[in-house]
Structures are given as C-alpha cells and as structure tokens.
Amino acid sequence: MMLTGTPQQPDGLLLVDKPANCTSHDVVDYVRRRFKFKKVGHCGTLDPMATGLLMLVLGRATKVQDLLMSEDKEYAGTLKLGAATSTQDAEGEVTETRPVPPLTEQALRAAFDKFKGDFYQTPPMVSALKKDGVPLYKLARQGKVVEREPRLVHVYSYQLTNIAPPAVDFVIRCSKGFYVRTYCHDLGQELGCGGHLAALRRTRSGNFTLEHAVTRAELEATVSAADLLPRILGLTDISRIRRQ
C-alpha cells in the first residue's frame, strides 16, 4: 500500500463499521478530533439507527468523494409490517396501525418485485434534502410537509432472508440516493397493512465491504494516528478496488 500524506493528514480511505445511535457526522468528528486529522469527510450518510459501512475520505481523497458516493450500495434490513411511522423507520412516531394479513412468500415476492429495476421514489420529509436552502428534516420538526420531487432510483436485486411476519428480513442492492426506509414504507402500502424500517445495516458500497472496516472499539483502542495508518487505503488502493 502506497499511502501518501503524513500521520497528521494521510490521503486515503478509512472504512468504518458505524455503530447504532450516532450520526455519520459524529463518526467524522470523532476521527478528526481523536487523531487530529485536518480534512475528513464521509461518503453517504447513514441514519443514527443504522449500522455498517461508512467510508471516510481523508486529505486528498476528499477530491474523489463524489465519485465514491456514486457507487451502488448493498443493505441488510428488516421490514416491520402493521405500522407506519412519521419517519418511515423505528425512530418515528406510529401514525397508523393495521392488521397484518396472512402473507405467503409468493405474495411478499410479488410486492418486492414491484419495486425492482427502475422506478420513481419520493424522498421522505425527514431527510437532509433541502427546500429553498432549508433541510427537510427541519421543516418536518415544525410540522410542515412540502412537495418533494420523485427521483428515479434503481433496485438491482433483492433477497428475502427471513420471513416471520410482522418482520421480514431482506438484502437489497440499490443505486445511490435510495431511501431504504421509504422502500419499506412503500412496501407496507403495497401490502395493504403499512410498514416501516425496523433495522438497517450497510454491507457494501461499490466494491468496498465491511471485511476490512474498523469498529468503534478498535478506533478507541488505537493510540495514535501512526497506529491507524495500516487500516487506511491509499489513493492507488482506492483506484484498484474500484476497478475490480
């Protein structure tokens, strides 16, 4: 690995396994302060409840941030049927409950198949998208709902890994800008009983996986920036892995 820069400001990519109950910015801020790095960014926000792959770009690697964010993503999630929420996930308030009908695997697959390939998805109100310069989540906190432009998204594939109604575990590979919680909300509507995202873990972004990601415990146990360097992918490594 050819890592450029200095221990105080390396140029590269640090893969982090984000824990639950913190924001992506919290992770960026922690790494920046703990190791005294000057330039740190992340590629693709994970909601506080979500865990998994968070890619931190350091130093000159911030120049390829948009390129890395454009890659397709893979998630493992849990759809909870029978209740819709204000945020479309388990962190929101329940806005509607309905009985969950008897569902066969065939019926579930028929619903999932309707959200495969290209389709338009309306971003949720509780999101970082902006309306006239104001993040939608701030408007949502004020009880406001504004019109959001549907966006073309793509689901490459899905797997149903466990069916135990009202919970359905799945793995999905999707395009950038895809909202898995909106996916769960829309699936609940399609199945006629409502639904929300109960758990989410990002397992892949492009060709980057959790296999070499550092955990929060490992970050806490790392004494200095120099000790962290072996876990950082250099610019040439980033290019090589992307082309695999």
C-alpha atoms as a PDB file:
ATOM      1  CA  MET A   1       0.000   0.000   0.000  1.00  0.00           C
ATOM      2  CA  MET A   2       1.356   3.404  -1.017  1.00  0.00           C
ATOM      3  CA  LEU A   3      -0.104   5.840   1.487  1.00  0.00           C
ATOM      4  CA  THR A   4       0.668   9.481   0.822  1.00  0.00           C
ATOM      5  CA  GLY A   5       0.421  12.429   3.182  1.00  0.00           C
ATOM      6  CA  THR A   6       1.551  12.405   6.817  1.00  0.00           C
ATOM      7  CA  PRO A   7       0.305  10.740  10.021  1.00  0.00           C
ATOM      8  CA  GLN A   8      -1.276  14.109  10.855  1.00  0.00           C
ATOM      9  CA  GLN A   9      -3.027  14.198   7.471  1.00  0.00           C
ATOM     10  CA  PRO A  10      -2.925  10.976   5.446  1.00  0.00           C
ATOM     11  CA  ASP A  11      -4.506  10.796   1.988  1.00  0.00           C
ATOM     12  CA  GLY A  12      -6.813   7.818   1.740  1.00  0.00           C
ATOM     13  CA  LEU A  13      -9.951   5.970   2.701  1.00  0.00           C
ATOM     14  CA  LEU A  14     -10.841   4.643   6.143  1.00  0.00           C
ATOM     15  CA  LEU A  15     -13.655   2.083   6.247  1.00  0.00           C
ATOM     16  CA  VAL A  16     -15.605   2.277   9.495  1.00  0.00           C
ATOM     17  CA  ASP A  17     -18.275  -0.073  10.842  1.00  0.00           C
ATOM     18  CA  LYS A  18     -20.609   2.584  12.231  1.00  0.00           C
ATOM     19  CA  PRO A  19     -22.414   1.658  15.450  1.00  0.00           C
ATOM     20  CA  ALA A  20     -26.047   2.499  16.103  1.00  0.00           C
ATOM     21  CA  ASN A  21     -27.229   5.625  17.933  1.00  0.00           C
ATOM     22  CA  CYS A  22     -24.765   8.081  16.413  1.00  0.00           C
ATOM     23  CA  THR A  23     -24.774  10.176  13.260  1.00  0.00           C
ATOM     24  CA  SER A  24     -22.347   9.875  10.365  1.00  0.00           C
ATOM     25  CA  HIS A  25     -21.063  13.337  11.300  1.00  0.00           C
ATOM     26  CA  ASP A  26     -20.406  12.088  14.839  1.00  0.00           C
ATOM     27  CA  VAL A  27     -18.051   9.454  13.406  1.00  0.00           C
ATOM     28  CA  VAL A  28     -16.290  12.014  11.198  1.00  0.00           C
ATOM     29  CA  ASP A  29     -15.903  14.381  14.130  1.00  0.00           C
ATOM     30  CA  TYR A  30     -14.610  11.618  16.411  1.00  0.00           C
ATOM     31  CA  VAL A  31     -11.919  10.512  13.932  1.00  0.00           C
ATOM     32  CA  ARG A  32     -10.921  14.104  13.201  1.00  0.00           C
ATOM     33  CA  ARG A  33     -10.532  15.035  16.875  1.00  0.00           C
ATOM     34  CA  ARG A  34      -9.037  11.794  18.162  1.00  0.00           C
ATOM     35  CA  PHE A  35      -6.317  11.560  15.529  1.00  0.00           C
ATOM     36  CA  LYS A  36      -6.000  15.312  14.872  1.00  0.00           C
ATOM     37  CA  PHE A  37      -6.717  14.971  11.159  1.00  0.00           C
ATOM     38  CA  LYS A  38      -7.466  18.262   9.416  1.00  0.00           C
ATOM     39  CA  LYS A  39      -9.527  17.031   6.488  1.00  0.00           C
ATOM     40  CA  VAL A  40     -12.136  14.272   6.902  1.00  0.00           C
ATOM     41  CA  GLY A  41     -15.376  13.669   5.037  1.00  0.00           C
ATOM     42  CA  HIS A  42     -17.762  10.769   4.532  1.00  0.00           C
ATOM     43  CA  CYS A  43     -19.360   9.097   1.514  1.00  0.00           C
ATOM     44  CA  GLY A  44     -23.066   8.577   2.031  1.00  0.00           C
ATOM     45  CA  THR A  45     -24.976   9.356   5.215  1.00  0.00           C
ATOM     46  CA  LEU A  46     -26.233   6.588   7.473  1.00  0.00           C
ATOM     47  CA  ASP A  47     -29.146   7.420   9.775  1.00  0.00           C
ATOM     48  CA  PRO A  48     -28.417   7.221  13.535  1.00  0.00           C
ATOM     49  CA  MET A  49     -30.268   3.890  13.921  1.00  0.00           C
ATOM     50  CA  ALA A  50     -28.358   2.325  11.018  1.00  0.00           C
ATOM     51  CA  THR A  51     -25.078   0.461  11.338  1.00  0.00           C
ATOM     52  CA  GLY A  52     -22.440  -0.715   8.907  1.00  0.00           C
ATOM     53  CA  LEU A  53     -20.121   0.588   6.255  1.00  0.00           C
ATOM     54  CA  LEU A  54     -19.265   4.277   6.489  1.00  0.00           C
ATOM     55  CA  MET A  55     -16.466   5.392   4.188  1.00  0.00           C
ATOM     56  CA  LEU A  56     -14.318   8.249   5.493  1.00  0.00           C
ATOM     57  CA  VAL A  57     -12.198  10.152   2.979  1.00  0.00           C
ATOM     58  CA  LEU A  58      -9.036  11.737   4.325  1.00  0.00           C
ATOM     59  CA  GLY A  59      -6.862  14.502   2.911  1.00  0.00           C
ATOM     60  CA  ARG A  60      -6.602  14.461  -0.883  1.00  0.00           C
ATOM     61  CA  ALA A  61      -9.067  11.554  -1.075  1.00  0.00           C
ATOM     62  CA  THR A  62     -11.835  14.095  -0.451  1.00  0.00           C
ATOM     63  CA  LYS A  63     -11.419  15.000  -4.138  1.00  0.00           C
ATOM     64  CA  VAL A  64     -12.902  11.618  -5.126  1.00  0.00           C
ATOM     65  CA  GLN A  65     -15.706  11.799  -2.565  1.00  0.00           C
ATOM     66  CA  ASP A  66     -18.443  12.355  -5.168  1.00  0.00           C
ATOM     67  CA  LEU A  67     -17.084   9.514  -7.290  1.00  0.00           C
ATOM     68  CA  LEU A  68     -17.175   7.097  -4.362  1.00  0.00           C
ATOM     69  CA  MET A  69     -20.669   8.244  -3.369  1.00  0.00           C
ATOM     70  CA  SER A  70     -21.982   7.444  -6.854  1.00  0.00           C
ATOM     71  CA  GLU A  71     -21.429   3.690  -6.408  1.00  0.00           C
ATOM     72  CA  ASP A  72     -24.301   1.265  -5.841  1.00  0.00           C
ATOM     73  CA  LYS A  73     -24.975   0.141  -2.264  1.00  0.00           C
ATOM     74  CA  GLU A  74     -25.958  -3.084  -0.500  1.00  0.00           C
ATOM     75  CA  TYR A  75     -28.020  -3.197   2.693  1.00  0.00           C
ATOM     76  CA  ALA A  76     -29.416  -5.805   5.040  1.00  0.00           C
ATOM     77  CA  GLY A  77     -32.649  -4.614   6.587  1.00  0.00           C
ATOM     78  CA  THR A  78     -35.812  -5.570   8.436  1.00  0.00           C
ATOM     79  CA  LEU A  79     -39.287  -4.538   7.297  1.00  0.00           C
ATOM     80  CA  LYS A  80     -41.797  -4.348  10.161  1.00  0.00           C
ATOM     81  CA  LEU A  81     -45.343  -4.676   8.875  1.00  0.00           C
ATOM     82  CA  GLY A  82     -48.538  -3.426  10.506  1.00  0.00           C
ATOM     83  CA  ALA A  83     -47.432   0.085  11.458  1.00  0.00           C
ATOM     84  CA  ALA A  84     -46.446   3.207   9.520  1.00  0.00           C
ATOM     85  CA  THR A  85     -44.354   5.868  11.264  1.00  0.00           C
ATOM     86  CA  SER A  86     -43.698   9.578  10.885  1.00  0.00           C
ATOM     87  CA  THR A  87     -40.096   8.975   9.807  1.00  0.00           C
ATOM     88  CA  GLN A  88     -40.711   5.696   7.943  1.00  0.00           C
ATOM     89  CA  ASP A  89     -38.401   3.941  10.405  1.00  0.00           C
ATOM     90  CA  ALA A  90     -38.423   2.732  14.015  1.00  0.00           C
ATOM     91  CA  GLU A  91     -37.313   6.127  15.371  1.00  0.00           C
ATOM     92  CA  GLY A  92     -40.534   7.873  14.411  1.00  0.00           C
ATOM     93  CA  GLU A  93     -43.965   8.026  16.000  1.00  0.00           C
ATOM     94  CA  VAL A  94     -46.526   5.455  14.867  1.00  0.00           C
ATOM     95  CA  THR A  95     -49.035   7.237  12.633  1.00  0.00           C
ATOM     96  CA  GLU A  96     -51.167   4.275  11.574  1.00  0.00           C
ATOM     97  CA  THR A  97     -51.646   0.641  12.547  1.00  0.00           C
ATOM     98  CA  ARG A  98     -53.391  -2.045  10.532  1.00  0.00           C
ATOM     99  CA  PRO A  99     -53.737  -5.815  10.889  1.00  0.00           C
ATOM    100  CA  VAL A 100     -51.153  -7.824   9.012  1.00  0.00           C
ATOM    101  CA  PRO A 101     -52.969 -10.253   6.713  1.00  0.00           C
ATOM    102  CA  PRO A 102     -51.752 -13.813   6.229  1.00  0.00           C
ATOM    103  CA  LEU A 103     -48.872 -13.411   3.787  1.00  0.00           C
ATOM    104  CA  THR A 104     -47.328 -16.131   1.707  1.00  0.00           C
ATOM    105  CA  GLU A 105     -43.794 -15.901   0.392  1.00  0.00           C
ATOM    106  CA  GLN A 106     -45.327 -15.587  -3.071  1.00  0.00           C
ATOM    107  CA  ALA A 107     -47.373 -12.540  -2.011  1.00  0.00           C
ATOM    108  CA  LEU A 108     -44.319 -10.924  -0.440  1.00  0.00           C
ATOM    109  CA  ARG A 109     -42.206 -11.537  -3.528  1.00  0.00           C
ATOM    110  CA  ALA A 110     -44.933 -10.052  -5.720  1.00  0.00           C
ATOM    111  CA  ALA A 111     -44.785  -6.844  -3.644  1.00  0.00           C
ATOM    112  CA  PHE A 112     -40.973  -6.719  -3.655  1.00  0.00           C
ATOM    113  CA  ASP A 113     -40.958  -7.350  -7.419  1.00  0.00           C
ATOM    114  CA  LYS A 114     -42.969  -4.157  -7.942  1.00  0.00           C
ATOM    115  CA  PHE A 115     -40.018  -2.207  -6.539  1.00  0.00           C
ATOM    116  CA  LYS A 116     -37.289  -3.682  -8.683  1.00  0.00           C
ATOM    117  CA  GLY A 117     -35.391  -2.178 -11.606  1.00  0.00           C
ATOM    118  CA  ASP A 118     -36.054   1.499 -12.398  1.00  0.00           C
ATOM    119  CA  PHE A 119     -38.834   3.323 -10.573  1.00  0.00           C
ATOM    120  CA  TYR A 120     -39.538   6.705  -9.004  1.00  0.00           C
ATOM    121  CA  GLN A 121     -39.218   7.174  -5.257  1.00  0.00           C
ATOM    122  CA  THR A 122     -40.443  10.217  -3.310  1.00  0.00           C
ATOM    123  CA  PRO A 123     -37.825  11.215  -0.704  1.00  0.00           C
ATOM    124  CA  PRO A 124     -39.111  11.310   2.899  1.00  0.00           C
ATOM    125  CA  MET A 125     -39.747  14.576   4.723  1.00  0.00           C
ATOM    126  CA  VAL A 126     -37.275  13.571   7.426  1.00  0.00           C
ATOM    127  CA  SER A 127     -34.178  13.790   5.246  1.00  0.00           C
ATOM    128  CA  ALA A 128     -31.202  16.049   4.621  1.00  0.00           C
ATOM    129  CA  LEU A 129     -32.541  17.182   1.243  1.00  0.00           C
ATOM    130  CA  LYS A 130     -33.158  20.910   1.107  1.00  0.00           C
ATOM    131  CA  LYS A 131     -36.112  23.078   0.145  1.00  0.00           C
ATOM    132  CA  ASP A 132     -35.113  26.698  -0.512  1.00  0.00           C
ATOM    133  CA  GLY A 133     -31.893  26.055   1.390  1.00  0.00           C
ATOM    134  CA  VAL A 134     -33.596  24.550   4.463  1.00  0.00           C
ATOM    135  CA  PRO A 135     -33.127  20.822   5.242  1.00  0.00           C
ATOM    136  CA  LEU A 136     -36.420  18.951   5.027  1.00  0.00           C
ATOM    137  CA  TYR A 137     -35.977  17.418   8.476  1.00  0.00           C
ATOM    138  CA  LYS A 138     -36.017  20.930   9.998  1.00  0.00           C
ATOM    139  CA  LEU A 139     -39.297  21.674   8.228  1.00  0.00           C
ATOM    140  CA  ALA A 140     -40.666  18.329   9.416  1.00  0.00           C
ATOM    141  CA  ARG A 141     -39.847  19.268  13.024  1.00  0.00           C
ATOM    142  CA  GLN A 142     -42.013  22.351  12.521  1.00  0.00           C
ATOM    143  CA  GLY A 143     -44.890  20.135  11.390  1.00  0.00           C
ATOM    144  CA  LYS A 144     -44.538  21.249   7.774  1.00  0.00           C
ATOM    145  CA  VAL A 145     -44.891  18.984   4.769  1.00  0.00           C
ATOM    146  CA  VAL A 146     -43.666  20.230   1.398  1.00  0.00           C
ATOM    147  CA  GLU A 147     -43.864  18.719  -2.047  1.00  0.00           C
ATOM    148  CA  ARG A 148     -40.836  16.586  -2.939  1.00  0.00           C
ATOM    149  CA  GLU A 149     -39.825  15.765  -6.467  1.00  0.00           C
ATOM    150  CA  PRO A 150     -39.842  11.984  -7.080  1.00  0.00           C
ATOM    151  CA  ARG A 151     -36.409  10.662  -8.055  1.00  0.00           C
ATOM    152  CA  LEU A 152     -35.503   7.871 -10.420  1.00  0.00           C
ATOM    153  CA  VAL A 153     -33.841   5.066  -8.446  1.00  0.00           C
ATOM    154  CA  HIS A 154     -32.847   1.503  -9.241  1.00  0.00           C
ATOM    155  CA  VAL A 155     -33.002  -1.789  -7.355  1.00  0.00           C
ATOM    156  CA  TYR A 156     -30.571  -4.259  -8.894  1.00  0.00           C
ATOM    157  CA  SER A 157     -31.574  -7.233  -6.758  1.00  0.00           C
ATOM    158  CA  TYR A 158     -33.176  -8.289  -3.502  1.00  0.00           C
ATOM    159  CA  GLN A 159     -33.273 -11.384  -1.320  1.00  0.00           C
ATOM    160  CA  LEU A 160     -35.773 -12.330   1.360  1.00  0.00           C
ATOM    161  CA  THR A 161     -33.565 -13.834   4.047  1.00  0.00           C
ATOM    162  CA  ASN A 162     -36.143 -14.480   6.775  1.00  0.00           C
ATOM    163  CA  ILE A 163     -39.940 -14.287   6.744  1.00  0.00           C
ATOM    164  CA  ALA A 164     -41.519 -14.154  10.198  1.00  0.00           C
ATOM    165  CA  PRO A 165     -44.462 -11.720   9.967  1.00  0.00           C
ATOM    166  CA  PRO A 166     -44.748  -8.995  11.031  1.00  0.00           C
ATOM    167  CA  ALA A 167     -40.965  -8.918  10.389  1.00  0.00           C
ATOM    168  CA  VAL A 168     -39.371  -9.600   7.020  1.00  0.00           C
ATOM    169  CA  ASP A 169     -35.580  -9.593   6.689  1.00  0.00           C
ATOM    170  CA  PHE A 170     -34.112  -8.713   3.315  1.00  0.00           C
ATOM    171  CA  VAL A 171     -30.919  -7.827   1.482  1.00  0.00           C
ATOM    172  CA  ILE A 172     -31.069  -5.217  -1.267  1.00  0.00           C
ATOM    173  CA  ARG A 173     -28.595  -3.829  -3.801  1.00  0.00           C
ATOM    174  CA  CYS A 174     -29.629  -0.386  -4.989  1.00  0.00           C
ATOM    175  CA  SER A 175     -28.480   2.830  -6.617  1.00  0.00           C
ATOM    176  CA  LYS A 176     -27.131   5.876  -4.803  1.00  0.00           C
ATOM    177  CA  GLY A 177     -29.681   8.239  -3.299  1.00  0.00           C
ATOM    178  CA  PHE A 178     -32.005   5.346  -2.445  1.00  0.00           C
ATOM    179  CA  TYR A 179     -34.021   5.564   0.794  1.00  0.00           C
ATOM    180  CA  VAL A 180     -34.446   2.103   2.284  1.00  0.00           C
ATOM    181  CA  ARG A 181     -36.944   3.400   4.844  1.00  0.00           C
ATOM    182  CA  THR A 182     -39.109   4.803   2.034  1.00  0.00           C
ATOM    183  CA  TYR A 183     -38.768   1.429   0.324  1.00  0.00           C
ATOM    184  CA  CYS A 184     -40.155  -0.249   3.466  1.00  0.00           C
ATOM    185  CA  HIS A 185     -42.936   2.325   3.779  1.00  0.00           C
ATOM    186  CA  ASP A 186     -43.960   1.798   0.154  1.00  0.00           C
ATOM    187  CA  LEU A 187     -43.841  -1.987   0.531  1.00  0.00           C
ATOM    188  CA  GLY A 188     -46.155  -1.687   3.530  1.00  0.00           C
ATOM    189  CA  GLN A 189     -48.592   0.363   1.478  1.00  0.00           C
ATOM    190  CA  GLU A 190     -48.413  -2.140  -1.362  1.00  0.00           C
ATOM    191  CA  LEU A 191     -49.175  -4.998   1.042  1.00  0.00           C
ATOM    192  CA  GLY A 192     -52.135  -3.075   2.468  1.00  0.00           C
ATOM    193  CA  CYS A 193     -51.060  -3.070   6.112  1.00  0.00           C
ATOM    194  CA  GLY A 194     -48.435  -0.351   6.382  1.00  0.00           C
ATOM    195  CA  GLY A 195     -44.824  -0.852   7.321  1.00  0.00           C
ATOM    196  CA  HIS A 196     -41.579   0.765   8.363  1.00  0.00           C
ATOM    197  CA  LEU A 197     -37.857   0.077   8.502  1.00  0.00           C
ATOM    198  CA  ALA A 198     -37.015  -1.626  11.813  1.00  0.00           C
ATOM    199  CA  ALA A 199     -33.278  -2.237  11.327  1.00  0.00           C
ATOM    200  CA  LEU A 200     -30.645  -1.411   8.705  1.00  0.00           C
ATOM    201  CA  ARG A 201     -27.025  -2.327   8.090  1.00  0.00           C
ATOM    202  CA  ARG A 202     -24.977  -1.181   5.075  1.00  0.00           C
ATOM    203  CA  THR A 203     -22.766  -4.055   3.974  1.00  0.00           C
ATOM    204  CA  ARG A 204     -21.246  -2.769   0.737  1.00  0.00           C
ATOM    205  CA  SER A 205     -20.600   0.396  -1.287  1.00  0.00           C
ATOM    206  CA  GLY A 206     -19.293  -0.301  -4.774  1.00  0.00           C
ATOM    207  CA  ASN A 207     -16.502  -2.840  -4.273  1.00  0.00           C
ATOM    208  CA  PHE A 208     -15.816  -1.755  -0.690  1.00  0.00           C
ATOM    209  CA  THR A 209     -17.143  -4.049   2.047  1.00  0.00           C
ATOM    210  CA  LEU A 210     -17.220  -4.411   5.809  1.00  0.00           C
ATOM    211  CA  GLU A 211     -14.479  -7.030   5.682  1.00  0.00           C
ATOM    212  CA  HIS A 212     -11.711  -4.507   6.349  1.00  0.00           C
ATOM    213  CA  ALA A 213     -13.756  -1.945   8.294  1.00  0.00           C
ATOM    214  CA  VAL A 214     -12.563  -0.727  11.685  1.00  0.00           C
ATOM    215  CA  THR A 215     -15.012  -0.789  14.594  1.00  0.00           C
ATOM    216  CA  ARG A 216     -15.590   1.930  17.180  1.00  0.00           C
ATOM    217  CA  ALA A 217     -13.884  -0.254  19.795  1.00  0.00           C
ATOM    218  CA  GLU A 218     -10.834  -0.610  17.549  1.00  0.00           C
ATOM    219  CA  LEU A 219     -10.717   3.143  16.992  1.00  0.00           C
ATOM    220  CA  GLU A 220     -10.858   3.713  20.738  1.00  0.00           C
ATOM    221  CA  ALA A 221      -8.033   1.220  21.260  1.00  0.00           C
ATOM    222  CA  THR A 222      -5.821   2.863  18.611  1.00  0.00           C
ATOM    223  CA  VAL A 223      -3.354   5.078  20.440  1.00  0.00           C
ATOM    224  CA  SER A 224      -2.125   7.382  17.678  1.00  0.00           C
ATOM    225  CA  ALA A 225      -2.635   8.410  14.058  1.00  0.00           C
ATOM    226  CA  ALA A 226       0.515   6.489  13.122  1.00  0.00           C
ATOM    227  CA  ASP A 227      -1.046   3.315  14.544  1.00  0.00           C
ATOM    228  CA  LEU A 228      -4.139   3.861  12.387  1.00  0.00           C
ATOM    229  CA  LEU A 229      -2.207   4.177   9.100  1.00  0.00           C
ATOM    230  CA  PRO A 230      -2.179   0.414   8.306  1.00  0.00           C
ATOM    231  CA  ARG A 231      -6.010   0.490   8.242  1.00  0.00           C
ATOM    232  CA  ILE A 232      -6.160   3.333   5.702  1.00  0.00           C
ATOM    233  CA  LEU A 233      -6.427   2.565   1.981  1.00  0.00           C
ATOM    234  CA  GLY A 234      -4.153   4.766  -0.123  1.00  0.00           C
ATOM    235  CA  LEU A 235      -5.199   6.549  -3.308  1.00  0.00           C
ATOM    236  CA  THR A 236      -3.806   3.773  -5.539  1.00  0.00           C
ATOM    237  CA  ASP A 237      -5.646   1.158  -3.460  1.00  0.00           C
ATOM    238  CA  ILE A 238      -8.902   3.084  -3.857  1.00  0.00           C
ATOM    239  CA  SER A 239      -8.471   3.130  -7.634  1.00  0.00           C
ATOM    240  CA  ARG A 240      -7.556  -0.556  -7.787  1.00  0.00           C
ATOM    241  CA  ILE A 241     -10.502  -1.721  -5.680  1.00  0.00           C
ATOM    242  CA  ARG A 242     -12.965   0.415  -7.643  1.00  0.00           C
ATOM    243  CA  ARG A 243     -11.825  -1.228 -10.886  1.00  0.00           C
ATOM    244  CA  GLN A 244     -12.106  -4.810  -9.593  1.00  0.00           C
END
